[in-house]
Protein backbone atom coordinates (compact mmCIF):
# COMPACT_ATOMS: atom_id res chain seq x y z
CA ALA A 1 -51.96 61.20 69.52
CA ARG A 2 -50.73 60.91 73.06
CA LEU A 3 -50.58 57.08 72.94
CA ALA A 4 -50.60 54.81 69.90
CA ARG A 5 -51.02 51.05 70.44
CA LEU A 6 -50.73 48.32 67.84
CA ILE A 7 -52.14 45.12 69.29
CA ALA A 8 -52.13 41.78 67.44
CA CYS A 9 -51.81 43.41 64.01
CA GLU A 10 -50.61 41.53 60.92
CA ARG A 11 -49.07 42.95 57.74
CA THR A 12 -50.02 46.50 58.71
CA THR A 13 -48.24 49.79 58.20
CA VAL A 14 -49.05 52.56 60.66
CA VAL A 15 -47.85 56.14 60.33
CA VAL A 16 -48.24 58.04 63.60
CA ALA A 17 -46.90 60.93 65.62
CA ALA A 18 -47.46 60.18 69.30
CA THR A 19 -45.93 60.82 72.69
CA ARG A 20 -45.66 57.05 73.22
CA ALA A 21 -46.07 54.09 70.85
CA VAL A 22 -46.54 50.48 71.99
CA VAL A 23 -46.36 47.47 69.68
CA SER A 24 -47.84 44.30 71.22
CA SER A 25 -47.71 40.84 69.62
CA CYS A 26 -47.65 42.01 66.00
CA LEU A 27 -46.51 40.21 62.85
CA SER A 28 -44.87 41.79 59.79
CA CYS A 29 -45.85 45.35 60.70
CA CYS A 30 -44.11 48.64 60.05
CA LEU A 31 -44.43 51.60 62.41
CA SER A 32 -43.43 54.88 60.77
CA LEU A 33 -43.10 57.00 63.86
CA TYR A 34 -42.38 60.33 65.42
CA SER A 35 -42.13 60.06 69.20
CA PRO A 36 -40.06 61.89 71.78
CA LEU A 37 -40.12 58.63 73.80
CA SER A 38 -38.74 55.25 72.73
CA PRO A 39 -41.35 52.89 71.25
CA LEU A 40 -42.18 49.96 73.53
CA LEU A 41 -42.18 46.37 72.25
CA ASP A 42 -44.42 44.09 74.26
CA GLY A 43 -45.16 40.40 73.74
CA ASP A 44 -44.17 38.32 70.71
CA ASN A 45 -43.45 40.74 67.84
CA ARG A 46 -42.11 39.11 64.67
CA SER A 47 -40.72 40.65 61.49
CA CYS A 48 -41.75 44.14 62.60
CA ARG A 49 -39.94 47.26 61.43
CA VAL A 50 -39.70 50.85 62.63
CA ALA A 51 -39.09 53.87 60.43
CA PRO A 52 -39.06 57.65 60.78
CA TYR A 53 -42.34 59.52 60.37
CA CYS A 54 -43.26 59.82 56.69
CA ALA A 55 -46.61 61.59 56.15
CA VAL A 56 -47.64 65.07 55.05
CA TYR A 57 -51.22 66.35 55.03
CA ASP A 58 -53.27 69.50 55.56
CA GLY A 59 -53.63 70.31 59.25
CA LEU A 60 -50.63 68.24 60.36
CA ARG A 61 -48.98 71.08 62.28
CA ALA A 62 -52.26 71.89 64.07
CA HIS A 63 -52.64 68.21 65.03
CA LEU A 64 -49.08 68.15 66.37
CA ALA A 65 -49.73 71.27 68.44
CA ALA A 66 -52.98 69.80 69.82
CA ALA A 67 -51.09 66.66 70.86
CA ARG A 68 -48.32 68.82 72.34
CA LEU A 69 -45.71 67.29 70.05
CA SER A 70 -42.81 69.54 69.10
CA PRO A 71 -40.97 69.02 65.81
CA ASP A 72 -37.88 70.28 67.64
CA ALA A 73 -37.82 67.37 70.12
CA PRO A 74 -35.65 64.38 69.18
CA ASN A 75 -37.42 61.51 67.42
CA LEU A 76 -36.61 58.24 69.24
CA TRP A 77 -38.20 55.92 66.66
CA ARG A 78 -34.87 54.10 66.27
CA ALA A 79 -34.44 53.33 70.00
CA PRO A 80 -37.12 50.75 70.83
CA LEU A 81 -37.35 49.29 74.31
CA ARG A 82 -38.53 45.76 75.01
CA LEU A 83 -40.98 45.43 77.87
CA ALA A 84 -39.47 42.50 79.74
CA PRO A 85 -41.43 40.80 82.54
CA SER A 86 -39.53 40.41 85.76
CA LEU A 87 -40.80 38.07 88.44
CA ALA A 88 -39.28 40.11 91.24
CA ARG A 89 -40.25 43.65 90.30
CA GLY A 90 -43.06 43.45 87.75
CA ALA A 91 -42.43 44.82 84.26
CA THR A 92 -39.13 46.47 83.44
CA PHE A 93 -37.74 48.10 80.33
CA ALA A 94 -34.70 46.85 78.48
CA ARG A 95 -33.14 47.77 75.17
CA ALA A 96 -34.56 45.50 72.46
CA PRO A 97 -32.32 42.41 72.36
CA LEU A 98 -31.94 42.70 68.60
CA ALA A 99 -29.81 45.57 67.43
CA SER A 100 -32.07 48.54 66.75
CA GLU A 101 -30.69 48.68 63.21
CA SER A 102 -32.14 45.22 62.49
CA LEU A 103 -35.58 46.62 63.39
CA ALA A 104 -35.16 49.71 61.21
CA LEU A 105 -36.75 49.78 57.78
CA ALA A 106 -34.05 49.95 55.09
CA PRO A 107 -33.69 53.50 53.75
CA ASN A 108 -34.31 52.28 50.17
CA ASP A 109 -37.70 50.92 51.29
CA PHE A 110 -38.70 54.24 52.87
CA GLU A 111 -41.45 56.18 51.06
CA LEU A 112 -43.03 59.56 51.69
CA LEU A 113 -46.80 59.41 52.15
CA ALA A 114 -48.70 62.43 50.85
CA GLY A 115 -52.47 62.32 50.74
CA PRO A 116 -54.32 62.70 47.42
CA PHE A 117 -55.44 66.15 48.48
CA ALA A 118 -53.84 69.56 48.35
CA ALA A 119 -51.40 70.07 51.20
CA ASP A 120 -50.30 73.53 52.24
CA GLU A 121 -47.09 72.06 53.60
CA THR A 122 -45.25 69.49 51.50
CA ARG A 123 -42.20 69.05 53.74
CA LEU A 124 -42.04 66.75 56.73
CA PRO A 125 -42.19 68.64 60.03
CA PHE A 126 -39.51 66.38 61.53
CA PRO A 127 -35.96 66.08 60.18
CA LEU A 128 -35.14 62.74 58.57
CA PRO A 129 -31.97 60.81 59.34
CA PRO A 130 -29.46 61.56 56.54
CA GLU A 131 -29.63 58.08 54.99
CA TYR A 132 -33.44 58.28 54.68
CA ALA A 133 -33.32 61.81 53.25
CA ALA A 134 -30.67 60.66 50.74
CA ALA A 135 -32.82 57.67 49.70
CA LEU A 136 -35.83 59.96 49.10
CA ASP A 137 -33.65 62.42 47.15
CA ALA A 138 -32.31 59.58 44.97
CA LYS A 139 -35.86 58.39 44.19
CA ARG A 140 -36.93 61.95 43.37
CA ASP A 141 -33.87 62.40 41.11
CA ARG A 142 -34.64 59.15 39.23
CA ALA A 143 -38.25 60.25 38.67
CA ASP A 144 -37.11 63.70 37.50
CA HIS A 145 -34.63 62.08 35.11
CA VAL A 146 -37.36 59.93 33.56
CA ARG A 147 -39.69 62.94 33.24
CA ARG A 148 -36.98 65.00 31.55
CA ALA A 149 -36.04 62.14 29.20
CA ILE A 150 -39.65 61.76 28.09
CA ALA A 151 -40.12 65.53 27.71
CA ASP A 152 -36.87 65.88 25.73
CA ALA A 153 -37.60 62.91 23.45
CA ASN A 154 -39.90 64.95 21.15
CA LEU A 155 -42.12 61.91 20.63
CA PRO A 156 -45.05 61.96 18.23
CA ASP A 157 -48.42 62.12 20.01
CA ASP A 158 -49.22 58.41 19.49
CA ASP A 159 -45.80 57.35 20.87
CA ARG A 160 -46.19 59.75 23.81
CA ALA A 161 -49.59 58.15 24.54
CA LYS A 162 -47.95 54.69 24.49
CA VAL A 163 -45.26 55.83 26.96
CA GLU A 164 -47.92 57.34 29.24
CA ALA A 165 -49.96 54.12 29.07
CA ALA A 166 -46.87 52.03 29.91
CA ALA A 167 -46.03 54.32 32.85
CA LYS A 168 -49.60 54.11 34.17
CA ALA A 169 -49.56 50.31 33.83
CA ALA A 170 -46.22 50.08 35.67
CA PHE A 171 -47.57 52.34 38.43
CA ALA A 172 -50.76 50.26 38.74
CA LYS A 173 -48.65 47.09 38.96
CA TRP A 174 -46.49 48.72 41.68
CA LEU A 175 -49.63 49.71 43.64
CA VAL A 176 -50.80 46.09 43.62
CA ASP A 177 -47.38 44.48 44.20
CA SER A 178 -46.51 46.82 47.09
CA ARG A 179 -49.99 46.44 48.61
CA SER A 180 -50.31 50.23 48.48
CA LEU A 181 -53.53 50.29 46.46
CA ARG A 182 -55.66 49.67 49.55
CA HIS A 183 -54.04 52.62 51.34
CA VAL A 184 -54.63 54.95 48.38
CA LEU A 185 -58.28 53.89 48.13
CA GLU A 186 -58.77 54.41 51.88
CA LEU A 187 -57.24 57.89 51.67
CA MET A 188 -59.45 58.77 48.71
CA HIS A 189 -62.50 57.53 50.63
CA LEU A 190 -61.55 59.64 53.66
CA ASP A 191 -61.01 62.68 51.45
CA HIS A 192 -64.54 62.38 50.03
CA ASP A 193 -66.36 61.63 53.29
CA PRO A 194 -68.31 64.57 54.68
CA ASP A 195 -67.30 65.60 58.17
CA PRO A 196 -69.43 63.82 60.80
């Protein structure tokens, strides 16, 4: 996208690559962003977070090229600017009064979003900050450790089925608790919709 605007959103997570992103009067939102320009904060934004871009899907590189976004350009997601009204000169830009780090999503809360469809490319087109890459690597390592432990346990079939059922139940609980179930269902619906 050339311009992405979030206006009066509540409890929403948006993942977008855009030339410019504007967040206006939002509550408890997270903007996972790639942008060569600083995101603009306008109005009364409360409990909002910014994070680096986190999605992978088929056709992503073609979409980036169509929007004239280069993965080689710096990603300024972490440098938001507050749009501050000025009586004398109209609107001006100022660094967000809160430290940018207080707006940043914690690396341990960062998740990679991959659609429930086959993706030719499984790596993000934009480099992640080291602390976010390390957090993803640690999560991947923990999951690999659990997979190896289950595979190496030589469980009887009925015990293996119990472990699989417990893992599925824990995953389903996480989907509900993290409010991610809605996003997964929406992605599945999009994947099955015929092209208009």
